[in-house]
N, C-alpha and C. Protein backbone atom coordinates (compact mmCIF):
# COMPACT_ATOMS: atom_id res chain seq x y z
N MET A 1 11.41 -0.35 -58.78
CA MET A 1 10.33 -0.67 -57.87
C MET A 1 10.66 -1.89 -56.84
N LYS A 2 11.51 -2.83 -57.26
CA LYS A 2 11.70 -3.98 -56.45
C LYS A 2 12.73 -3.35 -55.34
N LYS A 3 13.34 -2.57 -55.50
CA LYS A 3 14.29 -2.00 -54.37
C LYS A 3 13.42 -1.41 -53.27
N ASN A 4 12.39 -0.64 -53.72
CA ASN A 4 11.47 -0.13 -52.88
C ASN A 4 10.80 -1.05 -51.89
N ILE A 5 10.42 -2.22 -52.45
CA ILE A 5 9.60 -3.29 -51.63
C ILE A 5 10.57 -3.93 -50.52
N LYS A 6 11.83 -3.98 -50.98
CA LYS A 6 12.83 -4.65 -50.04
C LYS A 6 12.75 -3.68 -48.75
N PHE A 7 12.58 -2.45 -48.87
CA PHE A 7 12.41 -1.51 -47.76
C PHE A 7 11.28 -1.47 -47.26
N VAL A 8 10.18 -1.57 -47.92
CA VAL A 8 8.78 -1.34 -47.42
C VAL A 8 8.64 -2.64 -46.57
N ILE A 9 8.77 -3.72 -46.97
CA ILE A 9 8.34 -4.89 -46.20
C ILE A 9 8.92 -4.92 -44.80
N PRO A 10 10.27 -4.88 -44.63
CA PRO A 10 10.68 -4.65 -43.28
C PRO A 10 10.11 -3.73 -42.31
N PHE A 11 9.76 -2.58 -42.93
CA PHE A 11 9.21 -1.49 -42.36
C PHE A 11 7.84 -1.84 -41.82
N ILE A 12 7.00 -2.48 -42.50
CA ILE A 12 5.57 -2.96 -42.25
C ILE A 12 5.80 -3.98 -41.23
N ILE A 13 6.75 -4.77 -41.38
CA ILE A 13 6.84 -5.96 -40.21
C ILE A 13 7.15 -5.35 -39.09
N ILE A 14 7.98 -4.26 -39.01
CA ILE A 14 8.40 -3.63 -37.68
C ILE A 14 7.13 -2.70 -37.14
N ILE A 15 6.34 -2.16 -38.05
CA ILE A 15 5.26 -1.62 -37.50
C ILE A 15 4.23 -2.67 -36.92
N ILE A 16 3.99 -3.84 -37.53
CA ILE A 16 3.02 -4.86 -37.11
C ILE A 16 3.66 -5.35 -35.72
N ILE A 17 4.91 -5.67 -35.59
CA ILE A 17 5.50 -6.02 -34.27
C ILE A 17 5.22 -5.01 -33.07
N MET A 18 5.70 -3.49 -33.60
CA MET A 18 5.21 -2.67 -32.41
C MET A 18 3.78 -2.52 -32.12
N ALA A 19 2.80 -2.66 -33.05
CA ALA A 19 1.42 -2.59 -32.64
C ALA A 19 1.16 -3.70 -31.84
N ILE A 20 1.54 -5.11 -32.17
CA ILE A 20 1.33 -6.11 -31.30
C ILE A 20 1.89 -5.94 -29.75
N LEU A 21 3.13 -5.50 -29.79
CA LEU A 21 3.78 -5.27 -28.38
C LEU A 21 3.15 -3.99 -27.59
N PHE A 22 2.73 -3.11 -28.43
CA PHE A 22 1.77 -2.02 -27.67
C PHE A 22 0.61 -2.43 -27.32
N GLY A 23 -0.01 -3.25 -27.97
CA GLY A 23 -1.10 -3.86 -27.57
C GLY A 23 -1.14 -4.95 -26.41
N ILE A 24 -0.21 -5.62 -26.24
CA ILE A 24 0.21 -6.51 -25.25
C ILE A 24 0.42 -5.70 -23.94
N ILE A 25 1.18 -4.78 -23.87
CA ILE A 25 1.55 -3.79 -22.99
C ILE A 25 0.40 -3.21 -22.39
N ARG A 26 -0.42 -2.83 -23.29
CA ARG A 26 -1.71 -2.26 -22.80
C ARG A 26 -2.72 -3.10 -22.20
N ILE A 27 -2.88 -4.41 -22.91
CA ILE A 27 -3.77 -5.11 -22.09
C ILE A 27 -3.16 -5.72 -20.67
N GLN A 28 -1.85 -5.70 -20.51
CA GLN A 28 -1.37 -6.13 -19.19
C GLN A 28 -1.52 -5.03 -18.32
N ASN A 29 -1.43 -3.62 -18.83
CA ASN A 29 -1.57 -2.64 -17.76
C ASN A 29 -3.15 -2.49 -17.26
N ILE A 30 -3.91 -2.95 -18.30
CA ILE A 30 -5.54 -3.00 -17.99
C ILE A 30 -5.64 -4.15 -16.95
N ILE A 31 -5.26 -5.16 -17.30
CA ILE A 31 -5.28 -6.25 -16.12
C ILE A 31 -4.58 -5.99 -14.90
N LEU A 32 -3.49 -5.31 -14.86
CA LEU A 32 -2.99 -5.04 -13.74
C LEU A 32 -3.70 -3.95 -12.81
N LYS A 33 -4.25 -3.08 -13.55
CA LYS A 33 -5.04 -2.07 -12.85
C LYS A 33 -6.13 -2.72 -12.43
N LYS A 34 -6.93 -3.77 -12.80
CA LYS A 34 -7.83 -4.46 -12.26
C LYS A 34 -7.47 -5.17 -10.83
N ILE A 35 -6.39 -5.59 -10.84
CA ILE A 35 -5.51 -6.34 -9.65
C ILE A 35 -5.18 -5.18 -8.66
N TYR A 36 -4.74 -4.10 -9.15
CA TYR A 36 -4.18 -3.05 -8.36
C TYR A 36 -5.06 -1.99 -8.54
N PRO A 37 -6.41 -1.90 -8.02
CA PRO A 37 -7.23 -0.65 -8.21
C PRO A 37 -6.96 0.63 -7.35
N LEU A 38 -7.76 1.81 -7.71
CA LEU A 38 -7.51 2.77 -6.90
C LEU A 38 -8.87 3.01 -6.32
N LYS A 39 -9.24 2.13 -5.31
CA LYS A 39 -10.62 2.31 -4.70
C LYS A 39 -10.72 3.24 -3.56
N TYR A 40 -11.70 3.85 -3.46
CA TYR A 40 -12.06 4.89 -2.36
C TYR A 40 -11.23 6.02 -2.63
N GLN A 41 -10.96 6.39 -3.78
CA GLN A 41 -10.15 7.57 -4.31
C GLN A 41 -10.44 8.92 -3.47
N THR A 42 -11.75 9.29 -3.29
CA THR A 42 -11.94 10.56 -2.67
C THR A 42 -11.50 10.47 -1.17
N GLU A 43 -11.66 9.40 -0.56
CA GLU A 43 -11.40 9.32 0.97
C GLU A 43 -9.69 9.26 1.02
N VAL A 44 -9.20 8.23 0.20
CA VAL A 44 -7.54 8.09 0.42
C VAL A 44 -7.04 9.46 0.00
N GLU A 45 -7.52 9.98 -1.08
CA GLU A 45 -6.81 11.31 -1.25
C GLU A 45 -6.99 12.33 -0.44
N LYS A 46 -8.20 12.59 0.35
CA LYS A 46 -8.44 13.58 1.19
C LYS A 46 -7.52 13.44 2.43
N TYR A 47 -7.35 12.21 2.78
CA TYR A 47 -6.82 11.83 4.20
C TYR A 47 -5.17 11.94 3.86
N CYS A 48 -4.74 11.57 2.64
CA CYS A 48 -3.28 11.48 2.45
C CYS A 48 -2.94 12.83 2.31
N GLU A 49 -3.69 13.79 1.73
CA GLU A 49 -3.52 15.23 1.73
C GLU A 49 -3.40 15.65 3.14
N GLU A 50 -4.20 15.43 3.99
CA GLU A 50 -4.43 15.86 5.29
C GLU A 50 -3.17 15.50 6.07
N TYR A 51 -2.76 14.33 5.94
CA TYR A 51 -1.64 13.67 6.77
C TYR A 51 -0.33 13.77 6.10
N LYS A 52 -0.15 14.07 4.64
CA LYS A 52 1.00 14.10 4.07
C LYS A 52 1.58 12.88 3.73
N LEU A 53 0.75 12.09 3.13
CA LEU A 53 1.20 10.59 2.90
C LEU A 53 0.95 10.35 1.51
N ASP A 54 1.76 9.29 0.98
CA ASP A 54 1.76 9.07 -0.40
C ASP A 54 0.67 7.97 -0.66
N LYS A 55 -0.31 8.42 -1.52
CA LYS A 55 -1.74 7.78 -1.69
C LYS A 55 -1.43 6.45 -2.17
N LEU A 56 -0.20 6.34 -3.06
CA LEU A 56 0.01 5.03 -3.67
C LEU A 56 0.52 3.73 -2.61
N LEU A 57 1.24 4.42 -1.55
CA LEU A 57 1.57 3.47 -0.34
C LEU A 57 0.24 3.16 0.41
N ILE A 58 -0.56 3.96 0.48
CA ILE A 58 -1.79 3.62 1.39
C ILE A 58 -2.67 2.63 0.62
N TYR A 59 -2.75 2.77 -0.68
CA TYR A 59 -3.24 1.70 -1.57
C TYR A 59 -2.66 0.37 -1.52
N ALA A 60 -1.35 0.31 -1.47
CA ALA A 60 -0.78 -0.84 -1.26
C ALA A 60 -1.06 -1.43 0.21
N ILE A 61 -1.12 -0.59 1.31
CA ILE A 61 -1.42 -1.10 2.50
C ILE A 61 -2.87 -1.66 2.46
N MET A 62 -3.59 -0.87 1.90
CA MET A 62 -5.17 -1.32 1.98
C MET A 62 -5.41 -2.66 1.12
N LYS A 63 -4.52 -2.83 -0.06
CA LYS A 63 -4.64 -4.18 -0.67
C LYS A 63 -4.02 -5.24 0.17
N ALA A 64 -2.94 -5.22 0.88
CA ALA A 64 -2.35 -6.10 1.64
C ALA A 64 -3.41 -6.52 2.86
N GLU A 65 -3.90 -5.35 3.41
CA GLU A 65 -4.59 -5.70 4.47
C GLU A 65 -5.90 -6.22 4.27
N SER A 66 -6.75 -5.71 3.52
CA SER A 66 -8.16 -6.31 3.24
C SER A 66 -8.45 -6.67 1.79
N ASN A 67 -7.71 -6.20 0.70
CA ASN A 67 -7.95 -6.34 -0.66
C ASN A 67 -9.34 -5.32 -0.86
N PHE A 68 -9.24 -4.49 -0.34
CA PHE A 68 -10.35 -3.44 -0.31
C PHE A 68 -11.68 -3.78 0.16
N GLU A 69 -11.85 -4.94 0.89
CA GLU A 69 -13.01 -5.35 1.42
C GLU A 69 -13.39 -4.47 2.81
N THR A 70 -14.50 -3.91 2.67
CA THR A 70 -14.81 -3.10 3.94
C THR A 70 -15.22 -4.03 5.18
N ASN A 71 -16.09 -5.04 4.91
CA ASN A 71 -16.59 -5.67 6.25
C ASN A 71 -15.94 -6.89 6.48
N ILE A 72 -14.65 -6.73 6.71
CA ILE A 72 -13.72 -7.76 7.04
C ILE A 72 -13.16 -7.67 8.39
N THR A 73 -12.97 -8.91 9.02
CA THR A 73 -12.31 -8.86 10.41
C THR A 73 -11.19 -9.86 10.42
N SER A 74 -10.06 -9.61 10.91
CA SER A 74 -9.05 -10.67 10.90
C SER A 74 -9.15 -11.62 12.23
N GLY A 75 -8.49 -12.71 12.13
CA GLY A 75 -8.62 -13.52 13.43
C GLY A 75 -8.20 -12.79 14.69
N SER A 76 -7.26 -11.80 14.63
CA SER A 76 -6.96 -11.25 15.75
C SER A 76 -7.68 -9.83 16.22
N GLY A 77 -8.79 -9.87 15.29
CA GLY A 77 -9.75 -8.68 15.59
C GLY A 77 -9.55 -7.26 14.96
N ALA A 78 -8.60 -7.36 14.03
CA ALA A 78 -8.31 -6.06 13.20
C ALA A 78 -9.58 -5.82 12.33
N CYS A 79 -10.04 -4.67 12.13
CA CYS A 79 -11.32 -4.44 11.37
C CYS A 79 -11.21 -3.39 10.13
N GLY A 80 -11.91 -3.80 8.96
CA GLY A 80 -12.19 -2.94 7.85
C GLY A 80 -10.88 -2.84 6.98
N LEU A 81 -11.05 -1.92 6.05
CA LEU A 81 -10.24 -1.81 4.96
C LEU A 81 -8.62 -1.72 5.25
N MET A 82 -8.22 -1.01 6.38
CA MET A 82 -6.96 -0.91 6.75
C MET A 82 -6.55 -1.72 7.97
N GLN A 83 -7.43 -2.67 8.22
CA GLN A 83 -7.27 -3.58 9.44
C GLN A 83 -6.87 -3.10 10.90
N LEU A 84 -7.58 -2.09 11.33
CA LEU A 84 -7.18 -1.58 12.61
C LEU A 84 -7.79 -2.27 13.51
N MET A 85 -6.90 -2.30 14.79
CA MET A 85 -7.25 -2.92 16.02
C MET A 85 -8.22 -1.80 16.75
N GLU A 86 -8.93 -2.45 17.39
CA GLU A 86 -9.86 -1.49 18.21
C GLU A 86 -9.31 -0.42 19.00
N SER A 87 -8.43 -0.90 19.75
CA SER A 87 -7.61 0.03 20.71
C SER A 87 -6.97 1.17 19.89
N THR A 88 -6.25 0.73 18.85
CA THR A 88 -5.65 1.63 17.99
C THR A 88 -6.49 2.65 17.46
N ALA A 89 -7.87 2.16 16.89
CA ALA A 89 -8.77 3.08 16.18
C ALA A 89 -9.32 4.07 17.27
N GLU A 90 -9.42 3.53 18.62
CA GLU A 90 -10.09 4.53 19.61
C GLU A 90 -9.02 5.59 19.69
N GLU A 91 -7.79 5.27 19.93
CA GLU A 91 -6.75 6.12 20.25
C GLU A 91 -6.68 7.26 19.00
N MET A 92 -6.61 6.67 17.86
CA MET A 92 -6.60 7.62 16.67
C MET A 92 -7.87 8.57 16.65
N ALA A 93 -9.06 8.09 16.89
CA ALA A 93 -10.26 8.76 16.92
C ALA A 93 -10.30 9.89 17.89
N GLU A 94 -9.66 9.63 19.07
CA GLU A 94 -9.55 10.59 20.02
C GLU A 94 -8.61 11.60 19.67
N LYS A 95 -7.44 11.33 19.05
CA LYS A 95 -6.30 12.15 18.25
C LYS A 95 -6.95 13.25 17.42
N VAL A 96 -7.99 12.62 16.60
CA VAL A 96 -8.33 13.47 15.50
C VAL A 96 -9.73 14.22 15.92
N GLY A 97 -10.27 13.95 17.23
CA GLY A 97 -11.37 14.58 17.74
C GLY A 97 -12.85 14.14 17.18
N TYR A 98 -12.58 12.87 16.69
CA TYR A 98 -13.71 12.09 16.12
C TYR A 98 -14.79 11.70 17.36
N GLU A 99 -15.78 12.40 17.53
CA GLU A 99 -16.80 12.04 18.66
C GLU A 99 -17.77 11.15 18.40
N ASN A 100 -18.27 10.40 19.13
CA ASN A 100 -19.25 9.12 19.13
C ASN A 100 -18.59 8.04 18.41
N TYR A 101 -17.29 7.73 18.50
CA TYR A 101 -16.74 6.57 17.69
C TYR A 101 -17.20 5.30 18.34
N THR A 102 -17.46 4.32 17.56
CA THR A 102 -17.86 3.06 17.85
C THR A 102 -17.16 2.16 17.00
N LYS A 103 -16.89 0.93 17.37
CA LYS A 103 -16.18 -0.21 16.64
C LYS A 103 -16.85 -0.43 15.17
N GLU A 104 -18.20 -0.29 15.19
CA GLU A 104 -18.94 -0.58 14.02
C GLU A 104 -18.52 0.42 12.93
N LEU A 105 -18.02 1.50 13.18
CA LEU A 105 -17.83 2.48 12.34
C LEU A 105 -16.26 2.39 11.64
N LEU A 106 -15.71 1.22 12.06
CA LEU A 106 -14.59 0.85 11.36
C LEU A 106 -14.77 0.08 10.04
N TYR A 107 -15.81 -0.20 9.70
CA TYR A 107 -16.30 -0.94 8.60
C TYR A 107 -16.92 0.04 7.67
N GLN A 108 -16.82 1.38 7.98
CA GLN A 108 -17.19 2.51 6.93
C GLN A 108 -15.95 2.91 6.35
N PRO A 109 -15.87 2.96 5.05
CA PRO A 109 -14.69 3.37 4.27
C PRO A 109 -14.12 4.58 4.77
N ASP A 110 -14.96 5.59 4.95
CA ASP A 110 -14.29 6.95 5.45
C ASP A 110 -13.74 7.09 6.60
N VAL A 111 -14.33 6.53 7.56
CA VAL A 111 -13.80 6.38 9.15
C VAL A 111 -12.42 5.38 9.10
N ASN A 112 -12.59 4.31 8.60
CA ASN A 112 -11.54 3.37 8.44
C ASN A 112 -10.29 3.99 7.99
N ILE A 113 -10.39 4.64 6.84
CA ILE A 113 -9.25 5.46 5.89
C ILE A 113 -8.76 6.47 6.81
N MET A 114 -9.62 7.36 7.42
CA MET A 114 -9.28 8.54 8.24
C MET A 114 -8.27 8.00 9.34
N LEU A 115 -8.90 7.09 10.12
CA LEU A 115 -8.00 6.39 11.14
C LEU A 115 -6.85 5.80 10.88
N GLY A 116 -6.92 4.97 9.66
CA GLY A 116 -5.64 4.23 9.26
C GLY A 116 -4.61 5.09 8.90
N THR A 117 -5.02 6.14 7.97
CA THR A 117 -4.01 7.08 7.74
C THR A 117 -3.40 7.90 8.49
N LYS A 118 -4.30 8.21 9.54
CA LYS A 118 -3.67 9.03 11.04
C LYS A 118 -2.80 8.16 11.50
N TYR A 119 -3.10 6.87 11.82
CA TYR A 119 -2.12 5.83 12.28
C TYR A 119 -0.83 5.72 11.80
N PHE A 120 -0.98 5.65 10.49
CA PHE A 120 0.37 5.36 9.70
C PHE A 120 1.10 6.69 9.77
N SER A 121 0.59 7.94 9.61
CA SER A 121 1.01 9.15 9.72
C SER A 121 2.01 9.17 11.05
N GLU A 122 1.33 8.85 12.12
CA GLU A 122 1.98 8.88 13.45
C GLU A 122 3.22 7.93 13.48
N LEU A 123 2.83 6.75 12.88
CA LEU A 123 4.28 5.80 12.72
C LEU A 123 5.31 6.35 12.06
N LEU A 124 4.91 7.07 10.67
CA LEU A 124 6.15 7.54 10.08
C LEU A 124 6.73 8.75 11.09
N LYS A 125 6.03 9.56 11.65
CA LYS A 125 6.80 10.57 12.56
C LYS A 125 7.54 9.88 13.48
N GLN A 126 7.24 8.95 14.19
CA GLN A 126 7.74 8.12 15.16
C GLN A 126 9.04 7.58 14.57
N TYR A 127 9.13 6.95 13.51
CA TYR A 127 10.37 6.55 12.74
C TYR A 127 10.91 7.38 11.77
N ASP A 128 10.90 8.85 12.00
CA ASP A 128 11.48 9.72 11.21
C ASP A 128 11.33 9.52 9.73
N ASP A 129 10.10 9.04 9.27
CA ASP A 129 9.73 8.87 7.91
C ASP A 129 10.28 7.64 7.11
N ASN A 130 10.77 6.71 8.13
CA ASN A 130 11.23 5.51 7.59
C ASN A 130 10.20 4.32 7.39
N ILE A 131 9.88 4.26 5.97
CA ILE A 131 8.70 3.41 5.71
C ILE A 131 9.04 2.04 6.17
N TYR A 132 10.18 1.38 6.01
CA TYR A 132 10.25 -0.01 6.53
C TYR A 132 9.86 -0.17 7.90
N LEU A 133 10.25 0.85 8.85
CA LEU A 133 9.96 0.61 10.18
C LEU A 133 8.54 0.98 10.25
N ALA A 134 8.07 1.97 9.70
CA ALA A 134 6.59 2.28 10.02
C ALA A 134 5.74 1.04 9.61
N LEU A 135 6.00 0.48 8.35
CA LEU A 135 5.18 -0.75 8.07
C LEU A 135 5.39 -1.84 8.97
N THR A 136 6.54 -2.03 9.38
CA THR A 136 6.91 -3.04 10.41
C THR A 136 6.01 -3.06 11.77
N ALA A 137 5.91 -1.68 12.20
CA ALA A 137 5.22 -1.47 13.27
C ALA A 137 3.75 -1.49 12.89
N TYR A 138 3.46 -1.33 11.92
CA TYR A 138 1.88 -1.32 11.55
C TYR A 138 1.47 -2.70 11.51
N ASN A 139 2.28 -3.67 11.33
CA ASN A 139 1.80 -5.04 11.24
C ASN A 139 2.15 -5.82 12.63
N ALA A 140 3.48 -5.56 13.46
CA ALA A 140 3.88 -6.25 14.36
C ALA A 140 3.84 -5.43 15.62
N GLY A 141 3.37 -4.11 15.57
CA GLY A 141 3.22 -3.40 16.88
C GLY A 141 4.61 -2.45 17.05
N ILE A 142 4.50 -1.43 17.73
CA ILE A 142 5.67 -0.53 18.26
C ILE A 142 6.52 -1.33 19.02
N GLY A 143 6.01 -1.91 19.91
CA GLY A 143 6.73 -2.64 21.09
C GLY A 143 7.61 -3.66 20.56
N ASN A 144 7.22 -4.42 19.48
CA ASN A 144 8.21 -5.35 18.91
C ASN A 144 9.28 -4.72 18.15
N VAL A 145 8.87 -3.75 17.43
CA VAL A 145 9.87 -2.96 16.70
C VAL A 145 11.08 -2.65 17.63
N ALA A 146 10.51 -1.90 18.73
CA ALA A 146 11.52 -1.57 19.60
C ALA A 146 12.43 -2.34 20.32
N LYS A 147 11.84 -3.69 20.54
CA LYS A 147 12.57 -4.77 21.21
C LYS A 147 13.53 -5.37 19.98
N TRP A 148 13.02 -5.30 18.69
CA TRP A 148 14.04 -5.80 17.82
C TRP A 148 15.08 -4.94 17.48
N ILE A 149 15.18 -3.63 17.54
CA ILE A 149 16.10 -2.48 17.35
C ILE A 149 16.94 -2.67 18.54
N GLU A 150 16.44 -2.75 19.77
CA GLU A 150 17.45 -2.73 20.99
C GLU A 150 18.04 -3.97 20.92
N GLY A 151 17.65 -5.18 20.52
CA GLY A 151 18.29 -6.34 20.60
C GLY A 151 19.26 -6.51 19.18
N GLY A 152 19.23 -5.61 18.51
CA GLY A 152 20.24 -5.62 17.34
C GLY A 152 19.74 -6.64 16.28
N ILE A 153 18.34 -7.03 16.30
CA ILE A 153 17.99 -7.94 15.29
C ILE A 153 17.61 -7.11 14.20
N ILE A 154 17.06 -5.89 14.09
CA ILE A 154 16.96 -5.06 13.02
C ILE A 154 17.60 -3.86 13.13
N ARG A 155 17.98 -3.11 12.27
CA ARG A 155 18.64 -1.84 12.38
C ARG A 155 17.68 -0.59 12.62
N GLN A 156 18.22 0.36 12.98
CA GLN A 156 17.39 1.39 13.22
C GLN A 156 16.79 2.08 11.98
N ASP A 157 17.71 2.00 10.93
CA ASP A 157 17.27 2.42 9.59
C ASP A 157 16.30 1.73 8.81
N GLY A 158 16.11 0.46 9.24
CA GLY A 158 15.14 -0.65 8.63
C GLY A 158 15.61 -1.27 7.30
N THR A 159 16.87 -0.95 6.92
CA THR A 159 17.61 -1.41 5.77
C THR A 159 17.87 -3.06 5.82
N ASP A 160 17.43 -3.65 6.74
CA ASP A 160 17.61 -5.13 7.01
C ASP A 160 16.27 -5.94 7.17
N ILE A 161 15.22 -5.51 6.35
CA ILE A 161 13.98 -6.16 6.93
C ILE A 161 13.92 -7.55 6.67
N GLU A 162 14.92 -8.20 5.90
CA GLU A 162 15.10 -9.41 5.74
C GLU A 162 15.30 -10.24 7.25
N ASN A 163 15.75 -9.44 8.32
CA ASN A 163 15.93 -10.01 9.49
C ASN A 163 14.61 -9.80 10.40
N ILE A 164 13.50 -9.29 10.17
CA ILE A 164 12.24 -9.41 10.94
C ILE A 164 12.11 -10.61 11.31
N PRO A 165 11.94 -11.04 12.67
CA PRO A 165 11.84 -12.56 13.14
C PRO A 165 10.47 -13.05 12.91
N TYR A 166 9.45 -12.21 12.74
CA TYR A 166 7.98 -12.76 12.56
C TYR A 166 7.90 -12.95 11.07
N LYS A 167 7.69 -14.16 10.63
CA LYS A 167 7.58 -14.53 9.23
C LYS A 167 6.51 -13.82 8.63
N GLU A 168 5.29 -13.54 9.17
CA GLU A 168 4.18 -12.87 8.71
C GLU A 168 4.44 -11.46 8.58
N THR A 169 5.27 -10.72 9.50
CA THR A 169 5.57 -9.37 9.42
C THR A 169 6.58 -9.35 8.23
N ASN A 170 7.53 -10.02 8.06
CA ASN A 170 8.44 -9.95 7.19
C ASN A 170 7.93 -10.23 5.77
N ASN A 171 6.94 -11.10 5.58
CA ASN A 171 6.28 -11.29 4.35
C ASN A 171 5.32 -10.08 4.05
N TYR A 172 4.73 -9.67 5.05
CA TYR A 172 3.92 -8.52 4.79
C TYR A 172 4.71 -7.01 4.43
N VAL A 173 5.70 -6.79 5.17
CA VAL A 173 6.53 -5.68 4.55
C VAL A 173 6.98 -5.83 3.03
N ARG A 174 7.48 -6.96 2.78
CA ARG A 174 7.99 -7.32 1.45
C ARG A 174 6.81 -7.10 0.43
N LYS A 175 5.66 -7.65 0.74
CA LYS A 175 4.44 -7.57 -0.14
C LYS A 175 4.16 -6.23 -0.31
N ILE A 176 3.84 -5.33 0.83
CA ILE A 176 3.62 -3.98 0.59
C ILE A 176 4.54 -3.09 -0.22
N LEU A 177 5.88 -3.50 -0.06
CA LEU A 177 6.97 -2.67 -0.77
C LEU A 177 6.64 -3.04 -2.15
N ARG A 178 6.63 -4.27 -2.64
CA ARG A 178 6.30 -4.90 -3.85
C ARG A 178 5.06 -4.32 -4.54
N ASP A 179 4.04 -4.42 -3.75
CA ASP A 179 2.78 -3.64 -4.36
C ASP A 179 2.86 -2.10 -4.56
N TYR A 180 3.69 -1.37 -3.62
CA TYR A 180 3.94 -0.04 -3.71
C TYR A 180 4.38 0.12 -5.07
N ARG A 181 5.67 -0.61 -5.48
CA ARG A 181 6.42 -0.38 -6.59
C ARG A 181 5.48 -0.72 -7.74
N ILE A 182 4.44 -1.46 -7.70
CA ILE A 182 3.65 -1.79 -8.75
C ILE A 182 2.63 -0.64 -9.18
N TYR A 183 2.18 -0.11 -7.88
CA TYR A 183 1.12 0.99 -7.88
C TYR A 183 1.91 2.23 -8.49
N GLN A 184 3.35 2.38 -8.12
CA GLN A 184 4.13 3.51 -8.63
C GLN A 184 4.26 3.44 -10.32
N LYS A 185 4.44 2.28 -10.75
CA LYS A 185 4.82 2.15 -12.25
C LYS A 185 3.25 2.28 -13.09
N LEU A 186 2.28 1.70 -12.28
CA LEU A 186 0.88 1.74 -12.85
C LEU A 186 0.21 3.09 -12.83
N TYR A 187 0.36 4.01 -11.93
CA TYR A 187 -0.19 5.37 -11.78
C TYR A 187 0.64 6.38 -11.59
N LYS A 188 1.95 6.30 -12.12
CA LYS A 188 2.73 7.39 -11.98
C LYS A 188 2.14 8.72 -12.63
N GLU A 189 2.28 9.75 -12.11
CA GLU A 189 1.64 11.00 -12.54
C GLU A 189 2.83 11.82 -13.29
C-alpha cells in the first residue's frame, strides 16, 4: 500500500499544478480579451468580407486608432473608430456610392467602418497586399510612403519598417503589428 501512495502523491501534485496553470492561462485570456475586444463585430465582419480583409487586422487598427471610441477626433481632424480624415472619407464615400455623405456620419460605427475598411483595402491593392506599406500609408499618407521608397529610406517590400522616419508612424506600425499578433493568438479560429 505504501508503494501506491508514493505514486499517487506525485500524480495528485501534478494534477493540482496543471489545474492552477490552466486557471492562470484562462484568467489571462479573459483579461486580454477585455483589453483586445471584438467590438462592432457585425459591421467589421460585413465589410471585411466585402473588401476581403482580415478582420483581426481591422480590429488591431481600430484599437490603435480610437480604442473603439466612436465620438473621437484627433488633433489633426481624423474622426471616428478608424480615424479617417474628412477628405479620405469623402473620396471613399464616392467610391462606394454612398449618397448624402456628411462628416458627422464618420461618428457612426457602420459608416466609419465601411469607409475605413474600403480605404485600407485600396491601400493594400496599391501596395500589392503589403501590410507594412499599407499601414504606413494609412498613418503617414501615400505621398510620404512614395517619397520614402524613392529616397531609399524604406524598401518597396516594407521589410525595414524600423527605418520609417516619422517616430509616430514607426511606433504606429509596430503597435498594430503587435496587436494583430495578439488578436490572432486570442481569436484564432
